[in-house]
Amino acid sequence: MMFRKLMLLPPAALVLYRMAAKGHTTKIDGEQAIYEMRKVPINDTKLAVMIRGKDRRNPVLLCVTGGPCGTDIPIIKKYEKELEEHFTIVHYDQRGAGKSLEFLKDYSKLTADVHVNDLLALTAYICYYLNQEKVYILGHSYGTYLASQAVHKDSLYYKAYIGIGQMSDMVKAEMESVDACIEAAKEAGNKKDVKALEKVRPKVEKGDAICPRKYVRKYKFAEREETHAGRDFMMNVMTGPEYNITDGIKFFYGAMRYAYPLAMQAMKKPLTDIVKSYPIPAFFLMGKYDHMTSIGAAKDYYDSLGGEEPKEFIVFENSAHSPHVEENKKFTEWMCTDLLEKTK
């Protein structure tokens, strides 16, 4: 209904309206339900936070998105309807990303350490705000780099760690990605792609470049089936409640300007050198075809870890980098049954 009403506006009026529209998240029915979009003062900045759940007394799931400079806020809730019955779910845009970006601030010196300290402060705030002693923390892609370090640095507020598309030794992972793309390009008879990948291979091996993402996506190592995430994002920016056009501009600006430098920081300072054990139960969830972070490198990292039990490496057979989206039903069932049972 809202979409139809907006489409009746003249194009210029629609753009102006959508540039200024205040962000909110859709209602959840229930006496104990929570559905909030807010800016939270964290350290010396303000982070955009979305909180949703059927019962605010449920366990809290704090989600750390990837990118770097990514966001899940505009597109994720359609995949979390069942999860919202069992968890109070918190998503946030990191400093310098999406709704949390401020145009007049310079984020060129932003580091993962700053993001980790923000995450720890946000965790403490969420525990206080939702009256919980601990939270489950879920990282995806680059979010695993941050969430793993937060757990390693101070596990006080964390009940269990879930890493999806787990980062590890990034040079090893990127080399595996290059080799997988070369093999796929050869099978497809794409000699031009093979040549381009062979050319970048020495730089990746030295840790001076990453496997070009256009090839990772082209050969379905990012996702096996089209999830329409890009289309959904643009639709939300134009008509949805969480993001407006200005937020969308912030997202693209931050991603284009700051994502690659942050990725290269992780290349030079691999997670395998920082986190050698998890002091809480840890679960790695990997798509069989993942070569954004590379399942082989993630398994090697997992096998090297010490830490608490239970500890588990779970492979989703029909997905790549985002099994929580690509195999959403299987992921949701695991979260609501296995995870809760194993971490009582």
Protein backbone atom coordinates (compact mmCIF):
# COMPACT_ATOMS: atom_id res chain seq x y z
CA MET A 1 0.00 0.00 0.00
CA MET A 2 2.78 2.44 0.89
CA PHE A 3 4.61 1.54 -2.33
CA ARG A 4 1.50 2.35 -4.42
CA LYS A 5 1.00 5.68 -2.68
CA LEU A 6 4.62 6.67 -3.24
CA MET A 7 4.40 5.79 -6.94
CA LEU A 8 1.61 8.37 -7.31
CA LEU A 9 4.02 11.17 -6.39
CA PRO A 10 5.78 13.11 -9.17
CA PRO A 11 9.35 11.78 -9.65
CA ALA A 12 11.04 14.88 -8.20
CA ALA A 13 8.73 14.89 -5.17
CA LEU A 14 9.32 11.17 -4.65
CA VAL A 15 13.10 11.64 -4.67
CA LEU A 16 12.93 14.54 -2.22
CA TYR A 17 10.58 12.62 0.06
CA ARG A 18 12.77 9.52 -0.03
CA MET A 19 15.94 11.51 0.64
CA ALA A 20 14.51 12.85 3.89
CA ALA A 21 12.32 9.92 5.02
CA LYS A 22 13.05 8.94 8.61
CA GLY A 23 14.19 5.37 9.07
CA HIS A 24 12.04 2.91 10.99
CA THR A 25 11.44 -0.83 10.96
CA THR A 26 8.11 -2.57 10.52
CA LYS A 27 5.93 -3.54 13.43
CA ILE A 28 5.98 -6.94 15.10
CA ASP A 29 2.82 -7.89 16.96
CA GLY A 30 3.04 -9.12 20.52
CA GLU A 31 3.05 -7.78 24.05
CA GLN A 32 6.81 -8.32 24.46
CA ALA A 33 7.74 -7.61 20.85
CA ILE A 34 10.50 -5.15 20.03
CA TYR A 35 11.04 -3.40 16.68
CA GLU A 36 13.30 -0.39 16.82
CA MET A 37 15.60 1.62 14.60
CA ARG A 38 17.82 4.00 16.54
CA LYS A 39 21.15 5.81 16.62
CA VAL A 40 23.21 4.68 19.61
CA PRO A 41 26.12 6.73 21.02
CA ILE A 42 29.12 4.40 20.92
CA ASN A 43 32.59 5.65 21.84
CA ASP A 44 33.01 8.91 19.88
CA THR A 45 30.38 8.22 17.22
CA LYS A 46 26.76 7.15 16.73
CA LEU A 47 25.88 3.80 15.21
CA ALA A 48 22.61 2.99 13.45
CA VAL A 49 21.06 -0.04 15.16
CA MET A 50 18.02 -2.15 14.25
CA ILE A 51 16.50 -4.40 16.93
CA ARG A 52 13.73 -6.88 16.12
CA GLY A 53 12.16 -9.81 17.94
CA LYS A 54 8.84 -11.35 18.98
CA ASP A 55 9.83 -11.36 22.65
CA ARG A 56 12.56 -9.11 23.99
CA ARG A 57 13.20 -11.69 26.74
CA ASN A 58 14.50 -14.19 24.14
CA PRO A 59 18.24 -14.73 23.68
CA VAL A 60 19.93 -11.87 21.85
CA LEU A 61 21.65 -12.44 18.50
CA LEU A 62 24.09 -9.64 17.67
CA CYS A 63 24.95 -9.69 13.95
CA VAL A 64 28.17 -8.24 12.54
CA THR A 65 27.93 -7.73 8.80
CA GLY A 66 30.69 -8.03 6.24
CA GLY A 67 31.88 -5.86 3.42
CA PRO A 68 33.94 -4.15 4.70
CA CYS A 69 31.51 -1.23 4.92
CA GLY A 70 28.55 -3.48 4.19
CA THR A 71 25.03 -3.38 5.58
CA ASP A 72 22.29 -5.94 6.14
CA ILE A 73 19.73 -3.56 7.60
CA PRO A 74 17.73 -2.84 4.41
CA ILE A 75 17.41 -6.42 3.16
CA ILE A 76 17.83 -8.97 5.94
CA LYS A 77 14.54 -9.11 7.80
CA LYS A 78 12.76 -11.15 5.14
CA TYR A 79 15.22 -13.96 5.92
CA GLU A 80 14.76 -13.69 9.69
CA LYS A 81 11.01 -14.05 10.26
CA GLU A 82 11.37 -17.42 11.96
CA LEU A 83 14.53 -16.37 13.81
CA GLU A 84 12.61 -13.43 15.28
CA GLU A 85 10.38 -15.95 17.05
CA HIS A 86 13.38 -17.35 18.96
CA PHE A 87 15.88 -14.48 19.18
CA THR A 88 15.96 -10.75 19.65
CA ILE A 89 18.10 -9.82 16.63
CA VAL A 90 20.39 -6.82 16.53
CA HIS A 91 21.90 -5.47 13.30
CA TYR A 92 24.02 -2.35 13.06
CA ASP A 93 25.91 -0.30 10.49
CA GLN A 94 29.57 -0.01 11.43
CA ARG A 95 31.42 3.27 11.73
CA GLY A 96 31.92 4.69 8.24
CA ALA A 97 29.22 2.47 6.71
CA GLY A 98 25.65 3.08 5.59
CA LYS A 99 23.42 4.92 8.03
CA SER A 100 26.31 5.30 10.49
CA LEU A 101 28.46 7.29 8.05
CA GLU A 102 28.67 11.06 8.49
CA PHE A 103 29.58 12.92 5.31
CA LEU A 104 31.79 15.53 6.98
CA LYS A 105 33.91 12.97 8.84
CA ASP A 106 37.15 11.54 7.48
CA TYR A 107 37.30 7.76 7.89
CA SER A 108 40.53 7.28 5.94
CA LYS A 109 42.39 6.21 9.10
CA LEU A 110 39.68 3.76 10.15
CA THR A 111 41.02 0.40 11.30
CA ALA A 112 39.65 -2.95 12.36
CA ASP A 113 40.79 -2.17 15.91
CA VAL A 114 38.42 0.81 15.99
CA HIS A 115 35.58 -1.39 14.69
CA VAL A 116 36.33 -4.05 17.31
CA ASN A 117 36.28 -1.49 20.13
CA ASP A 118 32.99 -0.15 18.79
CA LEU A 119 31.59 -3.68 18.74
CA LEU A 120 32.62 -4.34 22.33
CA ALA A 121 31.02 -1.09 23.48
CA LEU A 122 27.86 -1.83 21.49
CA THR A 123 27.67 -5.32 23.03
CA ALA A 124 27.82 -3.87 26.54
CA TYR A 125 25.11 -1.38 25.62
CA ILE A 126 22.85 -4.07 24.14
CA CYS A 127 23.21 -6.30 27.19
CA TYR A 128 22.25 -3.38 29.42
CA TYR A 129 19.44 -2.14 27.19
CA LEU A 130 17.85 -5.58 26.74
CA ASN A 131 18.61 -6.75 30.29
CA GLN A 132 20.68 -9.73 29.17
CA GLU A 133 23.90 -11.07 30.68
CA LYS A 134 25.28 -12.42 27.40
CA VAL A 135 24.53 -12.43 23.68
CA TYR A 136 25.13 -14.75 20.79
CA ILE A 137 27.44 -13.06 18.29
CA LEU A 138 27.21 -13.85 14.59
CA GLY A 139 29.74 -12.59 12.08
CA HIS A 140 29.48 -12.82 8.30
CA SER A 141 32.51 -12.48 6.01
CA TYR A 142 34.51 -9.41 7.15
CA GLY A 143 32.18 -9.43 10.15
CA THR A 144 33.89 -12.66 11.27
CA TYR A 145 37.20 -10.76 11.34
CA LEU A 146 35.70 -8.23 13.77
CA ALA A 147 33.51 -10.57 15.81
CA SER A 148 36.32 -13.10 16.34
CA GLN A 149 38.60 -10.37 17.66
CA ALA A 150 35.88 -8.99 19.94
CA VAL A 151 35.33 -12.45 21.47
CA HIS A 152 39.08 -12.97 21.79
CA LYS A 153 39.63 -9.55 23.37
CA ASP A 154 36.82 -9.74 25.93
CA SER A 155 34.44 -12.72 26.01
CA LEU A 156 32.54 -11.48 29.07
CA TYR A 157 29.32 -10.62 27.23
CA TYR A 158 29.32 -13.46 24.67
CA LYS A 159 27.57 -16.83 24.96
CA ALA A 160 28.66 -18.39 21.65
CA TYR A 161 30.25 -17.39 18.36
CA ILE A 162 28.80 -18.15 14.91
CA GLY A 163 31.03 -17.41 11.92
CA ILE A 164 29.46 -17.51 8.44
CA GLY A 165 31.86 -17.23 5.52
CA GLN A 166 34.68 -17.34 8.06
CA MET A 167 37.85 -15.34 7.41
CA SER A 168 41.22 -16.93 8.17
CA ASP A 169 44.63 -16.55 6.53
CA MET A 170 43.53 -14.12 3.84
CA VAL A 171 46.47 -14.68 1.50
CA LYS A 172 45.86 -18.44 1.55
CA ALA A 173 42.12 -17.87 1.05
CA GLU A 174 42.63 -15.45 -1.82
CA MET A 175 45.07 -17.79 -3.55
CA GLU A 176 42.49 -20.57 -3.31
CA SER A 177 39.94 -18.18 -4.80
CA VAL A 178 42.22 -17.31 -7.71
CA ASP A 179 42.93 -20.97 -8.42
CA ALA A 180 39.23 -21.87 -8.25
CA CYS A 181 38.33 -19.06 -10.65
CA ILE A 182 41.11 -20.04 -13.07
CA GLU A 183 39.91 -23.63 -13.07
CA ALA A 184 36.31 -22.55 -13.64
CA ALA A 185 37.36 -20.17 -16.42
CA LYS A 186 39.32 -22.95 -18.14
CA GLU A 187 36.33 -25.29 -17.95
CA ALA A 188 34.16 -22.57 -19.47
CA GLY A 189 36.72 -21.89 -22.19
CA ASN A 190 37.16 -18.25 -21.14
CA LYS A 191 40.80 -17.71 -22.09
CA LYS A 192 40.60 -13.95 -21.47
CA ASP A 193 39.55 -14.54 -17.86
CA VAL A 194 42.31 -17.09 -17.36
CA LYS A 195 44.89 -14.63 -18.65
CA ALA A 196 43.62 -11.82 -16.39
CA LEU A 197 43.60 -14.09 -13.32
CA GLU A 198 47.07 -15.43 -14.05
CA LYS A 199 48.29 -11.84 -14.29
CA VAL A 200 46.95 -10.89 -10.84
CA ARG A 201 48.04 -14.15 -9.20
CA PRO A 202 51.60 -13.02 -8.23
CA LYS A 203 50.21 -9.89 -6.53
CA VAL A 204 47.74 -11.98 -4.54
CA GLU A 205 50.51 -14.37 -3.53
CA LYS A 206 52.51 -11.43 -2.15
CA GLY A 207 49.48 -10.11 -0.25
CA ASP A 208 49.25 -6.99 -2.41
CA ALA A 209 45.87 -7.72 -4.02
CA ILE A 210 42.76 -9.81 -3.62
CA CYS A 211 41.13 -12.07 -6.17
CA PRO A 212 38.97 -9.75 -8.34
CA ARG A 213 35.44 -10.12 -7.08
CA LYS A 214 33.91 -9.90 -10.55
CA TYR A 215 35.36 -13.35 -11.29
CA VAL A 216 34.33 -14.78 -7.93
CA ARG A 217 30.77 -13.69 -8.66
CA LYS A 218 30.87 -14.69 -12.34
CA TYR A 219 31.81 -18.27 -11.53
CA LYS A 220 29.25 -18.55 -8.71
CA PHE A 221 31.70 -18.66 -5.81
CA ALA A 222 29.88 -15.77 -4.11
CA GLU A 223 26.41 -17.27 -4.41
CA ARG A 224 25.17 -20.33 -6.27
CA GLU A 225 21.75 -18.91 -7.10
CA GLU A 226 20.72 -15.30 -7.67
CA THR A 227 19.26 -13.91 -4.41
CA HIS A 228 18.34 -10.50 -5.87
CA ALA A 229 20.06 -8.77 -2.96
CA GLY A 230 21.11 -5.84 -5.14
CA ARG A 231 17.59 -5.38 -6.48
CA ASP A 232 16.11 -5.67 -3.00
CA PHE A 233 18.57 -3.09 -1.69
CA MET A 234 17.67 -0.55 -4.37
CA MET A 235 13.97 -1.15 -3.85
CA ASN A 236 14.33 -0.53 -0.13
CA VAL A 237 16.31 2.65 -0.75
CA MET A 238 13.51 3.93 -2.98
CA THR A 239 10.48 2.79 -1.02
CA GLY A 240 11.41 0.81 2.11
CA PRO A 241 11.28 1.85 5.75
CA GLU A 242 14.83 1.28 6.99
CA TYR A 243 16.91 3.12 4.39
CA ASN A 244 16.24 6.27 2.41
CA ILE A 245 18.06 7.60 -0.67
CA THR A 246 20.52 9.56 1.46
CA ASP A 247 21.37 6.39 3.40
CA GLY A 248 21.89 4.58 0.11
CA ILE A 249 24.28 7.29 -1.07
CA LYS A 250 26.16 7.01 2.23
CA PHE A 251 26.43 3.26 1.77
CA PHE A 252 27.89 3.45 -1.74
CA TYR A 253 30.20 6.32 -0.80
CA GLY A 254 31.61 4.48 2.22
CA ALA A 255 31.98 1.18 0.37
CA MET A 256 33.80 2.73 -2.60
CA ARG A 257 36.12 4.82 -0.46
CA TYR A 258 36.95 2.70 2.59
CA ALA A 259 36.18 -0.98 1.88
CA TYR A 260 39.34 -1.89 -0.04
CA PRO A 261 41.80 -0.32 2.45
CA LEU A 262 40.11 -2.20 5.29
CA ALA A 263 40.26 -5.45 3.32
CA MET A 264 43.97 -4.95 2.69
CA GLN A 265 44.53 -4.36 6.41
CA ALA A 266 43.03 -7.81 7.01
CA MET A 267 45.32 -9.18 4.28
CA LYS A 268 48.40 -7.84 6.06
CA LYS A 269 47.18 -8.79 9.54
CA PRO A 270 45.44 -12.17 9.16
CA LEU A 271 43.01 -13.47 11.73
CA THR A 272 45.13 -16.61 12.12
CA ASP A 273 47.86 -14.46 13.71
CA ILE A 274 45.43 -12.73 16.09
CA VAL A 275 42.92 -15.34 17.29
CA LYS A 276 44.33 -18.81 17.95
CA SER A 277 41.50 -20.04 20.17
CA TYR A 278 37.93 -19.12 21.08
CA PRO A 279 37.14 -18.88 24.80
CA ILE A 280 33.46 -19.67 24.11
CA PRO A 281 31.67 -22.27 21.95
CA ALA A 282 32.43 -21.52 18.29
CA PHE A 283 30.67 -22.66 15.13
CA PHE A 284 31.92 -22.10 11.59
CA LEU A 285 29.18 -22.25 8.94
CA MET A 286 30.55 -22.46 5.40
CA GLY A 287 29.04 -22.87 1.96
CA LYS A 288 30.66 -25.70 0.00
CA TYR A 289 31.39 -23.38 -2.94
CA ASP A 290 32.57 -20.34 -0.97
CA HIS A 291 35.55 -18.61 -2.52
CA MET A 292 34.89 -15.14 -1.18
CA THR A 293 36.56 -16.24 2.04
CA SER A 294 37.38 -19.79 0.86
CA ILE A 295 36.16 -22.90 2.61
CA GLY A 296 39.55 -24.66 2.42
CA ALA A 297 41.43 -21.91 4.27
CA ALA A 298 38.60 -21.66 6.81
CA LYS A 299 38.80 -25.42 7.51
CA ASP A 300 42.58 -25.22 7.99
CA TYR A 301 42.05 -22.39 10.46
CA TYR A 302 39.34 -24.30 12.31
CA ASP A 303 41.57 -27.37 12.60
CA SER A 304 44.34 -25.26 14.16
CA LEU A 305 42.14 -23.74 16.87
CA GLY A 306 42.05 -24.47 20.55
CA GLY A 307 39.31 -23.27 22.85
CA GLU A 308 36.02 -24.25 24.40
CA GLU A 309 33.72 -27.07 23.34
CA PRO A 310 31.41 -27.44 21.57
CA LYS A 311 33.29 -26.41 18.46
CA GLU A 312 31.93 -27.36 15.06
CA PHE A 313 32.59 -26.85 11.34
CA ILE A 314 29.36 -27.11 9.36
CA VAL A 315 29.21 -27.28 5.56
CA PHE A 316 26.14 -26.19 3.60
CA GLU A 317 26.20 -28.28 0.44
CA ASN A 318 24.21 -26.01 -1.89
CA SER A 319 25.57 -22.55 -1.18
CA ALA A 320 28.64 -20.37 -1.43
CA HIS A 321 29.42 -17.31 0.69
CA SER A 322 26.01 -16.74 2.31
CA PRO A 323 24.45 -20.03 3.44
CA HIS A 324 22.22 -18.14 5.89
CA VAL A 325 20.52 -16.63 2.84
CA GLU A 326 21.07 -19.27 0.14
CA GLU A 327 19.95 -22.14 2.38
CA ASN A 328 17.86 -20.06 4.72
CA LYS A 329 15.55 -22.83 5.91
CA LYS A 330 18.41 -25.15 6.86
CA PHE A 331 20.28 -22.31 8.55
CA THR A 332 17.22 -21.19 10.52
CA GLU A 333 16.50 -24.73 11.71
CA TRP A 334 20.11 -25.10 12.87
CA MET A 335 20.01 -21.82 14.76
CA CYS A 336 16.69 -22.52 16.47
CA THR A 337 17.39 -26.16 17.39
CA ASP A 338 21.04 -27.27 17.29
CA LEU A 339 22.63 -24.01 18.43
CA LEU A 340 20.22 -23.43 21.30
CA GLU A 341 20.45 -27.06 22.39
CA LYS A 342 24.26 -27.14 22.31
CA THR A 343 24.68 -23.88 24.22
CA LYS A 344 22.14 -24.31 27.03
